[in-house]
Structures are given as C-alpha cells and as structure tokens.
C-alpha cells in the first residue's frame, strides 16, 4: 500500500515522540479521525486547509504499520476517497517528518520528490 501523508503541527509531533503515538490536530480530534491524504492529494489539502499556517510538518506514514482496523478510506464532500485514521498513529509507522515551510506567496514548500512527483 502506498505511503499516506498528514499535515501536523511541530508541537504535536514533539509530543508524539515522547508519547510514542501521534493523536492529531484539534481539528482531527473534533472530527473523530485524523485527516490524511495520498501523494496526489496532499498539495491541494495543504493549500485548502492549512494555508498560511506556520510550524507545519509533513508526516509520511506507512499504512502497513498502523494498528489494525484504524485506516478507513472514505469519500469526501468532493467525491474523492481520502485515508482517515480512527485512533492514534504509532510513531513507528511514521517513515519521515519534514518541515513544511511557507513560500513568499503563502504556498507550502514540499520536500522533493513526493512519490507522484509533486514537491
């Protein structure tokens, strides 16, 4: 299964490293699941939902290392399937954590290359 991505705040990731698991942003917890994206979706997700936010980190996660039954693919309002995690993400499932700085125009500067060539 392909890597999935999450936009985390730096402070949340620091807490996750201490706790051994990541519990998501306040928005995630309010929705009852952690919002993830595929490589094809993450750039638009950042633009649409995290524009202008400082201290973002891009978490790359191996779905095979998630707790059984926590990953669900669900249809968004726009009709696309997005990965959602119901529960915490074990730190061991995170393949990489990259700072996601903002460009001068407010867009996020992704590490290169993402698997789909974005970044």
PDB file of N, CA and C in Angstrom:
ATOM      1  N   UNK A   1       0.854  -1.179   0.000  1.00  0.00           N
ATOM      2  CA  UNK A   1       0.000   0.000   0.000  1.00  0.00           C
ATOM      3  C   UNK A   1       0.897   1.237   0.000  1.00  0.00           C
ATOM      4  N   UNK A   2       0.498   2.265  -0.713  1.00  0.00           N
ATOM      5  CA  UNK A   2       1.285   3.489  -0.868  1.00  0.00           C
ATOM      6  C   UNK A   2       1.319   4.316   0.420  1.00  0.00           C
ATOM      7  N   UNK A   3       2.375   5.078   0.550  1.00  0.00           N
ATOM      8  CA  UNK A   3       2.540   5.994   1.681  1.00  0.00           C
ATOM      9  C   UNK A   3       1.387   6.990   1.702  1.00  0.00           C
ATOM     10  N   UNK A   4       0.932   7.342   2.907  1.00  0.00           N
ATOM     11  CA  UNK A   4      -0.082   8.387   3.081  1.00  0.00           C
ATOM     12  C   UNK A   4       0.537   9.522   3.888  1.00  0.00           C
ATOM     13  N   UNK A   5      -0.067  10.709   3.806  1.00  0.00           N
ATOM     14  CA  UNK A   5       0.530  11.929   4.352  1.00  0.00           C
ATOM     15  C   UNK A   5      -0.427  12.665   5.279  1.00  0.00           C
ATOM     16  N   UNK A   6       0.180  13.341   6.257  1.00  0.00           N
ATOM     17  CA  UNK A   6      -0.592  14.129   7.216  1.00  0.00           C
ATOM     18  C   UNK A   6       0.138  15.435   7.481  1.00  0.00           C
ATOM     19  N   UNK A   7      -0.615  16.504   7.638  1.00  0.00           N
ATOM     20  CA  UNK A   7      -0.082  17.817   7.981  1.00  0.00           C
ATOM     21  C   UNK A   7      -0.196  17.996   9.487  1.00  0.00           C
ATOM     22  N   UNK A   8       0.927  17.957  10.170  1.00  0.00           N
ATOM     23  CA  UNK A   8       0.970  18.062  11.628  1.00  0.00           C
ATOM     24  C   UNK A   8       1.564  19.408  12.032  1.00  0.00           C
ATOM     25  N   UNK A   9       1.271  19.822  13.250  1.00  0.00           N
ATOM     26  CA  UNK A   9       1.945  20.980  13.843  1.00  0.00           C
ATOM     27  C   UNK A   9       3.193  20.453  14.542  1.00  0.00           C
ATOM     28  N   UNK A  10       4.257  21.235  14.525  1.00  0.00           N
ATOM     29  CA  UNK A  10       5.527  20.808  15.121  1.00  0.00           C
ATOM     30  C   UNK A  10       5.355  20.406  16.580  1.00  0.00           C
ATOM     31  N   UNK A  11       4.594  21.174  17.340  1.00  0.00           N
ATOM     32  CA  UNK A  11       4.422  20.855  18.766  1.00  0.00           C
ATOM     33  C   UNK A  11       3.713  19.520  18.969  1.00  0.00           C
ATOM     34  N   UNK A  12       2.786  19.179  18.095  1.00  0.00           N
ATOM     35  CA  UNK A  12       2.097  17.889  18.180  1.00  0.00           C
ATOM     36  C   UNK A  12       3.032  16.734  17.884  1.00  0.00           C
ATOM     37  N   UNK A  13       3.959  16.945  16.949  1.00  0.00           N
ATOM     38  CA  UNK A  13       4.910  15.893  16.629  1.00  0.00           C
ATOM     39  C   UNK A  13       5.894  15.689  17.776  1.00  0.00           C
ATOM     40  N   UNK A  14       6.337  16.767  18.400  1.00  0.00           N
ATOM     41  CA  UNK A  14       7.236  16.663  19.553  1.00  0.00           C
ATOM     42  C   UNK A  14       6.562  15.859  20.667  1.00  0.00           C
ATOM     43  N   UNK A  15       5.295  16.150  20.918  1.00  0.00           N
ATOM     44  CA  UNK A  15       4.544  15.402  21.941  1.00  0.00           C
ATOM     45  C   UNK A  15       4.413  13.927  21.558  1.00  0.00           C
ATOM     46  N   UNK A  16       4.224  13.654  20.272  1.00  0.00           N
ATOM     47  CA  UNK A  16       4.085  12.272  19.807  1.00  0.00           C
ATOM     48  C   UNK A  16       5.366  11.476  20.034  1.00  0.00           C
ATOM     49  N   UNK A  17       6.497  12.091  19.813  1.00  0.00           N
ATOM     50  CA  UNK A  17       7.765  11.379  20.014  1.00  0.00           C
ATOM     51  C   UNK A  17       7.938  10.979  21.473  1.00  0.00           C
ATOM     52  N   UNK A  18       7.475  11.813  22.373  1.00  0.00           N
ATOM     53  CA  UNK A  18       7.545  11.482  23.806  1.00  0.00           C
ATOM     54  C   UNK A  18       6.550  10.382  24.158  1.00  0.00           C
ATOM     55  N   UNK A  19       5.337  10.478  23.628  1.00  0.00           N
ATOM     56  CA  UNK A  19       4.261   9.537  23.961  1.00  0.00           C
ATOM     57  C   UNK A  19       4.348   8.219  23.188  1.00  0.00           C
ATOM     58  N   UNK A  20       5.049   8.233  22.044  1.00  0.00           N
ATOM     59  CA  UNK A  20       5.123   7.034  21.217  1.00  0.00           C
ATOM     60  C   UNK A  20       3.989   6.895  20.231  1.00  0.00           C
ATOM     61  N   UNK A  21       3.074   7.868  20.241  1.00  0.00           N
ATOM     62  CA  UNK A  21       1.966   7.865  19.276  1.00  0.00           C
ATOM     63  C   UNK A  21       1.494   9.286  19.026  1.00  0.00           C
ATOM     64  N   UNK A  22       0.962   9.475  17.817  1.00  0.00           N
ATOM     65  CA  UNK A  22       0.504  10.793  17.381  1.00  0.00           C
ATOM     66  C   UNK A  22      -1.015  10.814  17.399  1.00  0.00           C
ATOM     67  N   UNK A  23      -1.571  11.869  18.030  1.00  0.00           N
ATOM     68  CA  UNK A  23      -3.026  11.964  18.196  1.00  0.00           C
ATOM     69  C   UNK A  23      -3.688  13.005  17.306  1.00  0.00           C
ATOM     70  N   UNK A  24      -2.932  13.689  16.468  1.00  0.00           N
ATOM     71  CA  UNK A  24      -3.516  14.619  15.516  1.00  0.00           C
ATOM     72  C   UNK A  24      -3.718  16.020  16.043  1.00  0.00           C
ATOM     73  N   UNK A  25      -4.248  16.854  15.161  1.00  0.00           N
ATOM     74  CA  UNK A  25      -4.561  18.249  15.455  1.00  0.00           C
ATOM     75  C   UNK A  25      -5.933  18.345  16.136  1.00  0.00           C
ATOM     76  N   UNK A  26      -6.214  19.479  16.716  1.00  0.00           N
ATOM     77  CA  UNK A  26      -7.521  19.697  17.349  1.00  0.00           C
ATOM     78  C   UNK A  26      -8.649  19.477  16.347  1.00  0.00           C
ATOM     79  N   UNK A  27      -8.453  19.915  15.088  1.00  0.00           N
ATOM     80  CA  UNK A  27      -9.471  19.705  14.046  1.00  0.00           C
ATOM     81  C   UNK A  27      -9.738  18.219  13.835  1.00  0.00           C
ATOM     82  N   UNK A  28      -8.666  17.429  13.835  1.00  0.00           N
ATOM     83  CA  UNK A  28      -8.819  15.987  13.669  1.00  0.00           C
ATOM     84  C   UNK A  28      -9.636  15.399  14.811  1.00  0.00           C
ATOM     85  N   UNK A  29      -9.231  15.730  16.022  1.00  0.00           N
ATOM     86  CA  UNK A  29      -9.919  15.172  17.196  1.00  0.00           C
ATOM     87  C   UNK A  29     -11.389  15.577  17.210  1.00  0.00           C
ATOM     88  N   UNK A  30     -11.696  16.807  16.783  1.00  0.00           N
ATOM     89  CA  UNK A  30     -13.092  17.263  16.730  1.00  0.00           C
ATOM     90  C   UNK A  30     -13.896  16.450  15.715  1.00  0.00           C
ATOM     91  N   UNK A  31     -13.240  16.045  14.616  1.00  0.00           N
ATOM     92  CA  UNK A  31     -13.915  15.254  13.577  1.00  0.00           C
ATOM     93  C   UNK A  31     -13.995  13.773  13.926  1.00  0.00           C
ATOM     94  N   UNK A  32     -13.202  13.335  14.910  1.00  0.00           N
ATOM     95  CA  UNK A  32     -13.227  11.942  15.323  1.00  0.00           C
ATOM     96  C   UNK A  32     -12.251  11.048  14.589  1.00  0.00           C
ATOM     97  N   UNK A  33     -11.444  11.618  13.707  1.00  0.00           N
ATOM     98  CA  UNK A  33     -10.442  10.852  12.967  1.00  0.00           C
ATOM     99  C   UNK A  33      -9.325  11.788  12.533  1.00  0.00           C
ATOM    100  N   UNK A  34      -8.182  11.212  12.155  1.00  0.00           N
ATOM    101  CA  UNK A  34      -7.063  12.001  11.658  1.00  0.00           C
ATOM    102  C   UNK A  34      -7.162  12.086  10.138  1.00  0.00           C
ATOM    103  N   UNK A  35      -7.082  13.300   9.630  1.00  0.00           N
ATOM    104  CA  UNK A  35      -7.156  13.542   8.185  1.00  0.00           C
ATOM    105  C   UNK A  35      -5.811  13.233   7.534  1.00  0.00           C
ATOM    106  N   UNK A  36      -5.816  12.361   6.552  1.00  0.00           N
ATOM    107  CA  UNK A  36      -4.626  12.034   5.770  1.00  0.00           C
ATOM    108  C   UNK A  36      -4.935  12.267   4.301  1.00  0.00           C
ATOM    109  N   UNK A  37      -3.889  12.259   3.485  1.00  0.00           N
ATOM    110  CA  UNK A  37      -4.019  12.433   2.041  1.00  0.00           C
ATOM    111  C   UNK A  37      -3.063  11.486   1.336  1.00  0.00           C
ATOM    112  N   UNK A  38      -3.353  11.232   0.075  1.00  0.00           N
ATOM    113  CA  UNK A  38      -2.416  10.498  -0.782  1.00  0.00           C
ATOM    114  C   UNK A  38      -1.392  11.494  -1.322  1.00  0.00           C
ATOM    115  N   UNK A  39      -0.386  10.991  -2.003  1.00  0.00           N
ATOM    116  CA  UNK A  39       0.610  11.867  -2.629  1.00  0.00           C
ATOM    117  C   UNK A  39      -0.055  12.802  -3.642  1.00  0.00           C
ATOM    118  N   UNK A  40      -1.069  12.317  -4.319  1.00  0.00           N
ATOM    119  CA  UNK A  40      -1.764  13.142  -5.314  1.00  0.00           C
ATOM    120  C   UNK A  40      -2.645  14.212  -4.679  1.00  0.00           C
ATOM    121  N   UNK A  41      -3.023  14.042  -3.423  1.00  0.00           N
ATOM    122  CA  UNK A  41      -3.960  14.949  -2.756  1.00  0.00           C
ATOM    123  C   UNK A  41      -3.299  15.952  -1.815  1.00  0.00           C
ATOM    124  N   UNK A  42      -2.094  15.686  -1.336  1.00  0.00           N
ATOM    125  CA  UNK A  42      -1.537  16.448  -0.213  1.00  0.00           C
ATOM    126  C   UNK A  42      -1.274  17.921  -0.535  1.00  0.00           C
ATOM    127  N   UNK A  43      -0.841  18.232  -1.735  1.00  0.00           N
ATOM    128  CA  UNK A  43      -0.550  19.630  -2.073  1.00  0.00           C
ATOM    129  C   UNK A  43      -1.836  20.459  -2.012  1.00  0.00           C
ATOM    130  N   UNK A  44      -2.897  19.946  -2.580  1.00  0.00           N
ATOM    131  CA  UNK A  44      -4.182  20.651  -2.552  1.00  0.00           C
ATOM    132  C   UNK A  44      -4.747  20.709  -1.136  1.00  0.00           C
ATOM    133  N   UNK A  45      -4.572  19.647  -0.364  1.00  0.00           N
ATOM    134  CA  UNK A  45      -5.035  19.654   1.029  1.00  0.00           C
ATOM    135  C   UNK A  45      -4.340  20.752   1.828  1.00  0.00           C
ATOM    136  N   UNK A  46      -3.037  20.898   1.633  1.00  0.00           N
ATOM    137  CA  UNK A  46      -2.297  21.951   2.337  1.00  0.00           C
ATOM    138  C   UNK A  46      -2.802  23.324   1.925  1.00  0.00           C
ATOM    139  N   UNK A  47      -2.989  23.516   0.626  1.00  0.00           N
ATOM    140  CA  UNK A  47      -3.459  24.816   0.132  1.00  0.00           C
ATOM    141  C   UNK A  47      -4.844  25.143   0.677  1.00  0.00           C
ATOM    142  N   UNK A  48      -5.703  24.165   0.653  1.00  0.00           N
ATOM    143  CA  UNK A  48      -7.100  24.388   1.017  1.00  0.00           C
ATOM    144  C   UNK A  48      -7.326  24.493   2.532  1.00  0.00           C
ATOM    145  N   UNK A  49      -6.624  23.660   3.303  1.00  0.00           N
ATOM    146  CA  UNK A  49      -6.938  23.551   4.733  1.00  0.00           C
ATOM    147  C   UNK A  49      -5.891  24.120   5.683  1.00  0.00           C
ATOM    148  N   UNK A  50      -4.678  24.376   5.198  1.00  0.00           N
ATOM    149  CA  UNK A  50      -3.611  24.840   6.090  1.00  0.00           C
ATOM    150  C   UNK A  50      -2.892  26.070   5.557  1.00  0.00           C
ATOM    151  N   UNK A  51      -3.520  26.793   4.648  1.00  0.00           N
ATOM    152  CA  UNK A  51      -2.899  27.984   4.062  1.00  0.00           C
ATOM    153  C   UNK A  51      -2.485  28.966   5.146  1.00  0.00           C
ATOM    154  N   UNK A  52      -1.255  29.398   5.073  1.00  0.00           N
ATOM    155  CA  UNK A  52      -0.746  30.412   5.982  1.00  0.00           C
ATOM    156  C   UNK A  52      -0.353  29.923   7.356  1.00  0.00           C
ATOM    157  N   UNK A  53      -0.500  28.644   7.644  1.00  0.00           N
ATOM    158  CA  UNK A  53      -0.167  28.137   8.977  1.00  0.00           C
ATOM    159  C   UNK A  53       1.333  27.918   9.114  1.00  0.00           C
ATOM    160  N   UNK A  54       1.912  28.458  10.160  1.00  0.00           N
ATOM    161  CA  UNK A  54       3.341  28.223  10.409  1.00  0.00           C
ATOM    162  C   UNK A  54       3.552  26.907  11.153  1.00  0.00           C
ATOM    163  N   UNK A  55       4.800  26.497  11.234  1.00  0.00           N
ATOM    164  CA  UNK A  55       5.213  25.331  12.040  1.00  0.00           C
ATOM    165  C   UNK A  55       4.553  24.030  11.629  1.00  0.00           C
ATOM    166  N   UNK A  56       4.309  23.870  10.324  1.00  0.00           N
ATOM    167  CA  UNK A  56       3.741  22.612   9.848  1.00  0.00           C
ATOM    168  C   UNK A  56       4.842  21.603   9.561  1.00  0.00           C
ATOM    169  N   UNK A  57       4.489  20.338   9.764  1.00  0.00           N
ATOM    170  CA  UNK A  57       5.376  19.221   9.456  1.00  0.00           C
ATOM    171  C   UNK A  57       4.599  18.258   8.561  1.00  0.00           C
ATOM    172  N   UNK A  58       5.282  17.701   7.576  1.00  0.00           N
ATOM    173  CA  UNK A  58       4.677  16.702   6.707  1.00  0.00           C
ATOM    174  C   UNK A  58       5.073  15.317   7.221  1.00  0.00           C
ATOM    175  N   UNK A  59       4.091  14.562   7.705  1.00  0.00           N
ATOM    176  CA  UNK A  59       4.337  13.197   8.156  1.00  0.00           C
ATOM    177  C   UNK A  59       4.058  12.240   7.003  1.00  0.00           C
ATOM    178  N   UNK A  60       5.024  11.398   6.699  1.00  0.00           N
ATOM    179  CA  UNK A  60       4.865  10.328   5.706  1.00  0.00           C
ATOM    180  C   UNK A  60       4.688   9.036   6.490  1.00  0.00           C
ATOM    181  N   UNK A  61       3.585   8.352   6.251  1.00  0.00           N
ATOM    182  CA  UNK A  61       3.209   7.207   7.084  1.00  0.00           C
ATOM    183  C   UNK A  61       3.043   5.949   6.236  1.00  0.00           C
ATOM    184  N   UNK A  62       3.571   4.847   6.764  1.00  0.00           N
ATOM    185  CA  UNK A  62       3.410   3.538   6.150  1.00  0.00           C
ATOM    186  C   UNK A  62       2.104   2.928   6.661  1.00  0.00           C
ATOM    187  N   UNK A  63       1.094   2.803   5.809  1.00  0.00           N
ATOM    188  CA  UNK A  63      -0.199   2.266   6.256  1.00  0.00           C
ATOM    189  C   UNK A  63      -0.104   0.842   6.815  1.00  0.00           C
ATOM    190  N   UNK A  64       0.891   0.084   6.371  1.00  0.00           N
ATOM    191  CA  UNK A  64       1.055  -1.293   6.831  1.00  0.00           C
ATOM    192  C   UNK A  64       1.460  -1.358   8.307  1.00  0.00           C
ATOM    193  N   UNK A  65       1.979  -0.249   8.855  1.00  0.00           N
ATOM    194  CA  UNK A  65       2.440  -0.228  10.246  1.00  0.00           C
ATOM    195  C   UNK A  65       1.419   0.391  11.201  1.00  0.00           C
ATOM    196  N   UNK A  66       0.242   0.735  10.679  1.00  0.00           N
ATOM    197  CA  UNK A  66      -0.825   1.270  11.531  1.00  0.00           C
ATOM    198  C   UNK A  66      -1.493   0.133  12.300  1.00  0.00           C
ATOM    199  N   UNK A  67      -2.146   0.500  13.384  1.00  0.00           N
ATOM    200  CA  UNK A  67      -2.875  -0.508  14.147  1.00  0.00           C
ATOM    201  C   UNK A  67      -4.004  -1.070  13.284  1.00  0.00           C
ATOM    202  N   UNK A  68      -4.247  -2.365  13.339  1.00  0.00           N
ATOM    203  CA  UNK A  68      -5.280  -2.986  12.505  1.00  0.00           C
ATOM    204  C   UNK A  68      -6.638  -2.308  12.688  1.00  0.00           C
ATOM    205  N   UNK A  69      -7.309  -2.092  11.565  1.00  0.00           N
ATOM    206  CA  UNK A  69      -8.661  -1.544  11.586  1.00  0.00           C
ATOM    207  C   UNK A  69      -8.767  -0.043  11.762  1.00  0.00           C
ATOM    208  N   UNK A  70      -7.636   0.662  11.881  1.00  0.00           N
ATOM    209  CA  UNK A  70      -7.721   2.107  12.119  1.00  0.00           C
ATOM    210  C   UNK A  70      -7.773   2.926  10.823  1.00  0.00           C
ATOM    211  N   UNK A  71      -7.305   2.371   9.703  1.00  0.00           N
ATOM    212  CA  UNK A  71      -7.319   3.088   8.418  1.00  0.00           C
ATOM    213  C   UNK A  71      -8.609   2.788   7.681  1.00  0.00           C
ATOM    214  N   UNK A  72      -9.316   3.850   7.319  1.00  0.00           N
ATOM    215  CA  UNK A  72     -10.539   3.720   6.523  1.00  0.00           C
ATOM    216  C   UNK A  72     -10.462   4.712   5.371  1.00  0.00           C
ATOM    217  N   UNK A  73     -10.834   4.270   4.182  1.00  0.00           N
ATOM    218  CA  UNK A  73     -10.890   5.139   3.012  1.00  0.00           C
ATOM    219  C   UNK A  73     -12.337   5.615   2.900  1.00  0.00           C
ATOM    220  N   UNK A  74     -12.505   6.943   2.946  1.00  0.00           N
ATOM    221  CA  UNK A  74     -13.856   7.499   2.946  1.00  0.00           C
ATOM    222  C   UNK A  74     -13.986   8.590   1.898  1.00  0.00           C
ATOM    223  N   UNK A  75     -15.198   8.723   1.385  1.00  0.00           N
ATOM    224  CA  UNK A  75     -15.473   9.698   0.341  1.00  0.00           C
ATOM    225  C   UNK A  75     -15.673  11.078   0.942  1.00  0.00           C
ATOM    226  N   UNK A  76     -14.966  12.060   0.390  1.00  0.00           N
ATOM    227  CA  UNK A  76     -15.091  13.446   0.849  1.00  0.00           C
ATOM    228  C   UNK A  76     -16.307  14.093   0.198  1.00  0.00           C
ATOM    229  N   UNK A  77     -16.578  15.326   0.624  1.00  0.00           N
ATOM    230  CA  UNK A  77     -17.705  16.067   0.015  1.00  0.00           C
ATOM    231  C   UNK A  77     -17.512  16.224  -1.490  1.00  0.00           C
ATOM    232  N   UNK A  78     -16.256  16.279  -1.942  1.00  0.00           N
ATOM    233  CA  UNK A  78     -15.976  16.422  -3.370  1.00  0.00           C
ATOM    234  C   UNK A  78     -16.013  15.123  -4.138  1.00  0.00           C
ATOM    235  N   UNK A  79     -16.242  14.002  -3.442  1.00  0.00           N
ATOM    236  CA  UNK A  79     -16.376  12.716  -4.107  1.00  0.00           C
ATOM    237  C   UNK A  79     -15.102  11.885  -4.181  1.00  0.00           C
ATOM    238  N   UNK A  80     -13.967  12.416  -3.707  1.00  0.00           N
ATOM    239  CA  UNK A  80     -12.714  11.665  -3.744  1.00  0.00           C
ATOM    240  C   UNK A  80     -12.541  10.844  -2.469  1.00  0.00           C
ATOM    241  N   UNK A  81     -11.847   9.733  -2.600  1.00  0.00           N
ATOM    242  CA  UNK A  81     -11.545   8.868  -1.464  1.00  0.00           C
ATOM    243  C   UNK A  81     -10.298   9.398  -0.742  1.00  0.00           C
ATOM    244  N   UNK A  82     -10.406   9.604   0.568  1.00  0.00           N
ATOM    245  CA  UNK A  82      -9.300  10.053   1.393  1.00  0.00           C
ATOM    246  C   UNK A  82      -9.056   9.032   2.497  1.00  0.00           C
ATOM    247  N   UNK A  83      -7.785   8.849   2.888  1.00  0.00           N
ATOM    248  CA  UNK A  83      -7.493   7.978   4.016  1.00  0.00           C
ATOM    249  C   UNK A  83      -7.741   8.707   5.338  1.00  0.00           C
ATOM    250  N   UNK A  84      -8.463   8.078   6.221  1.00  0.00           N
ATOM    251  CA  UNK A  84      -8.724   8.610   7.558  1.00  0.00           C
ATOM    252  C   UNK A  84      -8.261   7.575   8.574  1.00  0.00           C
ATOM    253  N   UNK A  85      -7.652   8.045   9.651  1.00  0.00           N
ATOM    254  CA  UNK A  85      -7.182   7.157  10.708  1.00  0.00           C
ATOM    255  C   UNK A  85      -8.058   7.373  11.941  1.00  0.00           C
ATOM    256  N   UNK A  86      -8.700   6.313  12.376  1.00  0.00           N
ATOM    257  CA  UNK A  86      -9.527   6.337  13.577  1.00  0.00           C
ATOM    258  C   UNK A  86      -8.689   5.779  14.723  1.00  0.00           C
ATOM    259  N   UNK A  87      -8.065   6.679  15.464  1.00  0.00           N
ATOM    260  CA  UNK A  87      -7.179   6.298  16.551  1.00  0.00           C
ATOM    261  C   UNK A  87      -5.833   6.976  16.382  1.00  0.00           C
ATOM    262  N   UNK A  88      -4.909   6.612  17.234  1.00  0.00           N
ATOM    263  CA  UNK A  88      -3.576   7.212  17.210  1.00  0.00           C
ATOM    264  C   UNK A  88      -2.692   6.524  16.169  1.00  0.00           C
ATOM    265  N   UNK A  89      -1.690   7.265  15.715  1.00  0.00           N
ATOM    266  CA  UNK A  89      -0.690   6.731  14.780  1.00  0.00           C
ATOM    267  C   UNK A  89       0.569   6.399  15.584  1.00  0.00           C
ATOM    268  N   UNK A  90       0.999   5.134  15.575  1.00  0.00           N
ATOM    269  CA  UNK A  90       2.240   4.808  16.267  1.00  0.00           C
ATOM    270  C   UNK A  90       3.416   5.544  15.617  1.00  0.00           C
ATOM    271  N   UNK A  91       4.297   6.090  16.426  1.00  0.00           N
ATOM    272  CA  UNK A  91       5.468   6.791  15.892  1.00  0.00           C
ATOM    273  C   UNK A  91       6.254   5.868  14.962  1.00  0.00           C
ATOM    274  N   UNK A  92       6.263   4.574  15.246  1.00  0.00           N
ATOM    275  CA  UNK A  92       6.976   3.603  14.413  1.00  0.00           C
ATOM    276  C   UNK A  92       6.405   3.504  12.996  1.00  0.00           C
ATOM    277  N   UNK A  93       5.171   3.960  12.768  1.00  0.00           N
ATOM    278  CA  UNK A  93       4.570   3.927  11.436  1.00  0.00           C
ATOM    279  C   UNK A  93       4.995   5.129  10.586  1.00  0.00           C
ATOM    280  N   UNK A  94       5.599   6.121  11.216  1.00  0.00           N
ATOM    281  CA  UNK A  94       5.996   7.352  10.512  1.00  0.00           C
ATOM    282  C   UNK A  94       7.358   7.130   9.867  1.00  0.00           C
ATOM    283  N   UNK A  95       7.390   7.213   8.544  1.00  0.00           N
ATOM    284  CA  UNK A  95       8.613   6.986   7.776  1.00  0.00           C
ATOM    285  C   UNK A  95       9.524   8.206   7.760  1.00  0.00           C
ATOM    286  N   UNK A  96       8.917   9.388   7.693  1.00  0.00           N
ATOM    287  CA  UNK A  96       9.706  10.618   7.687  1.00  0.00           C
ATOM    288  C   UNK A  96       8.844  11.777   8.172  1.00  0.00           C
ATOM    289  N   UNK A  97       9.542  12.782   8.677  1.00  0.00           N
ATOM    290  CA  UNK A  97       8.909  14.018   9.138  1.00  0.00           C
ATOM    291  C   UNK A  97       9.720  15.156   8.538  1.00  0.00           C
ATOM    292  N   UNK A  98       9.065  15.975   7.724  1.00  0.00           N
ATOM    293  CA  UNK A  98       9.748  17.074   7.054  1.00  0.00           C
ATOM    294  C   UNK A  98       9.083  18.396   7.391  1.00  0.00           C
ATOM    295  N   UNK A  99       9.877  19.419   7.715  1.00  0.00           N
ATOM    296  CA  UNK A  99       9.288  20.752   7.879  1.00  0.00           C
ATOM    297  C   UNK A  99       8.587  21.149   6.579  1.00  0.00           C
ATOM    298  N   UNK A 100       7.494  21.864   6.707  1.00  0.00           N
ATOM    299  CA  UNK A 100       6.723  22.291   5.535  1.00  0.00           C
ATOM    300  C   UNK A 100       6.611  23.812   5.568  1.00  0.00           C
ATOM    301  N   UNK A 101       7.694  24.503   5.185  1.00  0.00           N
ATOM    302  CA  UNK A 101       7.682  25.961   5.264  1.00  0.00           C
ATOM    303  C   UNK A 101       6.748  26.583   4.226  1.00  0.00           C
ATOM    304  N   UNK A 102       6.445  27.850   4.473  1.00  0.00           N
ATOM    305  CA  UNK A 102       5.611  28.611   3.549  1.00  0.00           C
ATOM    306  C   UNK A 102       6.490  29.379   2.577  1.00  0.00           C
ATOM    307  N   UNK A 103       6.066  29.435   1.330  1.00  0.00           N
ATOM    308  CA  UNK A 103       6.737  30.265   0.343  1.00  0.00           C
ATOM    309  C   UNK A 103       6.305  31.711   0.510  1.00  0.00           C
ATOM    310  N   UNK A 104       6.934  32.625  -0.221  1.00  0.00           N
ATOM    311  CA  UNK A 104       6.601  34.044  -0.097  1.00  0.00           C
ATOM    312  C   UNK A 104       5.145  34.362  -0.439  1.00  0.00           C
ATOM    313  N   UNK A 105       4.520  33.507  -1.244  1.00  0.00           N
ATOM    314  CA  UNK A 105       3.116  33.731  -1.609  1.00  0.00           C
ATOM    315  C   UNK A 105       2.161  32.978  -0.699  1.00  0.00           C
ATOM    316  N   UNK A 106       2.677  32.326   0.345  1.00  0.00           N
ATOM    317  CA  UNK A 106       1.831  31.609   1.285  1.00  0.00           C
ATOM    318  C   UNK A 106       1.633  30.147   0.957  1.00  0.00           C
ATOM    319  N   UNK A 107       2.126  29.700  -0.195  1.00  0.00           N
ATOM    320  CA  UNK A 107       2.007  28.283  -0.521  1.00  0.00           C
ATOM    321  C   UNK A 107       3.056  27.496   0.254  1.00  0.00           C
ATOM    322  N   UNK A 108       2.795  26.230   0.468  1.00  0.00           N
ATOM    323  CA  UNK A 108       3.711  25.375   1.208  1.00  0.00           C
ATOM    324  C   UNK A 108       4.796  24.840   0.271  1.00  0.00           C
ATOM    325  N   UNK A 109       6.001  24.725   0.798  1.00  0.00           N
ATOM    326  CA  UNK A 109       7.130  24.227   0.016  1.00  0.00           C
ATOM    327  C   UNK A 109       7.369  22.775   0.418  1.00  0.00           C
ATOM    328  N   UNK A 110       6.959  21.860  -0.460  1.00  0.00           N
ATOM    329  CA  UNK A 110       7.023  20.433  -0.172  1.00  0.00           C
ATOM    330  C   UNK A 110       8.410  19.881  -0.426  1.00  0.00           C
ATOM    331  N   UNK A 111       8.806  18.870   0.363  1.00  0.00           N
ATOM    332  CA  UNK A 111      10.079  18.212   0.092  1.00  0.00           C
ATOM    333  C   UNK A 111       9.989  17.494  -1.245  1.00  0.00           C
ATOM    334  N   UNK A 112      11.071  17.400  -1.940  1.00  0.00           N
ATOM    335  CA  UNK A 112      11.051  16.738  -3.243  1.00  0.00           C
ATOM    336  C   UNK A 112      11.887  15.478  -3.157  1.00  0.00           C
ATOM    337  N   UNK A 113      11.509  14.495  -3.888  1.00  0.00           N
ATOM    338  CA  UNK A 113      10.216  14.387  -4.560  1.00  0.00           C
ATOM    339  C   UNK A 113       9.230  13.593  -3.709  1.00  0.00           C
ATOM    340  N   UNK A 114       7.962  13.938  -3.817  1.00  0.00           N
ATOM    341  CA  UNK A 114       6.903  13.069  -3.304  1.00  0.00           C
ATOM    342  C   UNK A 114       6.739  11.946  -4.326  1.00  0.00           C
ATOM    343  N   UNK A 115       6.156  10.845  -3.956  1.00  0.00           N
ATOM    344  CA  UNK A 115       6.048   9.711  -4.888  1.00  0.00           C
ATOM    345  C   UNK A 115       5.358  10.032  -6.209  1.00  0.00           C
ATOM    346  N   UNK A 116       4.475  11.029  -6.235  1.00  0.00           N
ATOM    347  CA  UNK A 116       3.802  11.351  -7.505  1.00  0.00           C
ATOM    348  C   UNK A 116       4.508  12.462  -8.269  1.00  0.00           C
ATOM    349  N   UNK A 117       5.708  12.869  -7.784  1.00  0.00           N
ATOM    350  CA  UNK A 117       6.451  13.908  -8.472  1.00  0.00           C
ATOM    351  C   UNK A 117       6.129  15.310  -8.009  1.00  0.00           C
ATOM    352  N   UNK A 118       5.156  15.457  -7.075  1.00  0.00           N
ATOM    353  CA  UNK A 118       4.842  16.777  -6.534  1.00  0.00           C
ATOM    354  C   UNK A 118       5.988  17.211  -5.627  1.00  0.00           C
ATOM    355  N   UNK A 119       6.070  18.485  -5.370  1.00  0.00           N
ATOM    356  CA  UNK A 119       7.077  18.957  -4.415  1.00  0.00           C
ATOM    357  C   UNK A 119       8.169  19.716  -5.077  1.00  0.00           C
TER     358      UNK A 119
END
